């Protein structure tokens, strides 16, 4: 069992907040076409409160995918 350190938790929170932040200006379509910084690309196991067990979270830009296992297709990474 992997215990998440406060530093790892903070890193995940900052990454998720960056990915969820709305664009500063311009249309949504333009914002979606712009690449996000690589800091918003992250993958790992997380424990969600109220959910039994851990889930695999894959974050690419502003898209978040949740899976029950690590056996996901490479297209989701």
Foldseek 3Di string as FASTA:
>chain_A
DDDDDPVNVVLVVVLLCQLPDDDPDDDPVVVVVDADPCSNFDWDWDDDPPDPDIWIWTGGRNDIDTHRDPPDDPVRD
